[in-house]
Amino acid sequence: MGIKAFFKKAFGDMKESTKAQHEVDKANFAAAKAEAKANWEEAKMSPSQRQAKMQEERDAQIAAANERKAAADARIDAAKKK
């Protein structure tokens, strides 16, 4: 492989890498923009809506904790039987 072919391949690889990174950057920017809009909309919620949303989040956390506890209890029972 000559020096010309080497550089042609190297610059081609850099071009493809740059295109791929640009796509990643565009996706990250769109996600950040959507998160900012969601934060703004949540900030505009009324106190009763905010309270209901927080209660939903707490209920979900309690349910997840109960599932983890049940799984741990099952593992304990399985370990005791062996």
Protein backbone atom coordinates (compact mmCIF):
# COMPACT_ATOMS: atom_id res chain seq x y z
CA MET A 1 0.00 0.00 0.00
CA GLY A 2 1.40 3.31 -1.03
CA ILE A 3 1.41 6.47 1.01
CA LYS A 4 -1.33 7.96 -1.15
CA ALA A 5 -3.64 4.98 -0.58
CA PHE A 6 -2.84 5.06 3.15
CA PHE A 7 -3.88 8.69 3.53
CA LYS A 8 -6.92 8.21 1.32
CA LYS A 9 -8.10 5.35 3.56
CA ALA A 10 -7.25 7.26 6.76
CA PHE A 11 -9.16 10.38 5.69
CA GLY A 12 -12.08 8.25 4.52
CA ASP A 13 -12.21 6.57 7.93
CA MET A 14 -12.10 9.96 9.66
CA LYS A 15 -14.93 11.21 7.46
CA GLU A 16 -17.13 8.23 8.38
CA SER A 17 -16.28 8.62 12.05
CA THR A 18 -17.16 12.31 11.92
CA LYS A 19 -20.52 11.56 10.30
CA ALA A 20 -21.33 8.97 12.95
CA GLN A 21 -20.32 11.33 15.77
CA HIS A 22 -22.47 14.06 14.25
CA GLU A 23 -25.48 11.74 14.36
CA VAL A 24 -24.76 10.99 18.03
CA ASP A 25 -24.46 14.70 18.79
CA LYS A 26 -27.74 15.46 17.02
CA ALA A 27 -29.52 12.75 19.01
CA ASN A 28 -28.04 13.98 22.30
CA PHE A 29 -29.03 17.57 21.50
CA ALA A 30 -32.59 16.53 20.68
CA ALA A 31 -32.81 14.57 23.94
CA ALA A 32 -31.49 17.52 25.98
CA LYS A 33 -33.93 19.85 24.25
CA ALA A 34 -36.86 17.54 25.00
CA GLU A 35 -35.78 17.18 28.64
CA ALA A 36 -35.57 20.95 29.00
CA LYS A 37 -39.07 21.33 27.59
CA ALA A 38 -40.37 18.63 29.94
CA ASN A 39 -38.76 20.40 32.89
CA TRP A 40 -40.37 23.67 31.81
CA GLU A 41 -43.80 22.07 31.48
CA GLU A 42 -43.44 20.44 34.88
CA ALA A 43 -42.45 23.76 36.41
CA LYS A 44 -45.67 25.31 35.09
CA MET A 45 -47.88 22.62 36.71
CA SER A 46 -50.29 23.65 39.43
CA PRO A 47 -49.48 22.62 43.00
CA SER A 48 -52.21 19.96 43.02
CA GLN A 49 -50.89 18.45 39.77
CA ARG A 50 -47.33 18.50 41.12
CA GLN A 51 -48.48 16.81 44.34
CA ALA A 52 -50.32 14.09 42.39
CA LYS A 53 -47.24 13.49 40.21
CA MET A 54 -44.99 13.19 43.26
CA GLN A 55 -47.44 10.73 44.86
CA GLU A 56 -47.38 8.59 41.69
CA GLU A 57 -43.57 8.56 41.80
CA ARG A 58 -43.58 7.55 45.48
CA ASP A 59 -46.10 4.78 44.80
CA ALA A 60 -43.91 3.46 41.98
CA GLN A 61 -40.85 3.50 44.25
CA ILE A 62 -42.74 1.64 46.99
CA ALA A 63 -43.92 -0.99 44.49
CA ALA A 64 -40.37 -1.47 43.18
CA ALA A 65 -39.02 -1.81 46.73
CA ASN A 66 -41.69 -4.38 47.57
CA GLU A 67 -40.77 -6.40 44.45
CA ARG A 68 -37.09 -6.32 45.42
CA LYS A 69 -37.96 -7.44 48.96
CA ALA A 70 -40.09 -10.31 47.65
CA ALA A 71 -37.27 -11.43 45.35
CA ALA A 72 -34.79 -11.29 48.22
CA ASP A 73 -37.13 -13.29 50.46
CA ALA A 74 -37.45 -15.94 47.72
CA ARG A 75 -33.65 -16.13 47.45
CA ILE A 76 -33.38 -16.48 51.24
CA ASP A 77 -35.92 -19.32 51.26
CA ALA A 78 -34.14 -21.06 48.38
CA ALA A 79 -30.79 -20.75 50.16
CA LYS A 80 -32.21 -22.17 53.42
CA LYS A 81 -33.61 -25.25 51.63
CA LYS A 82 -30.23 -26.24 50.20
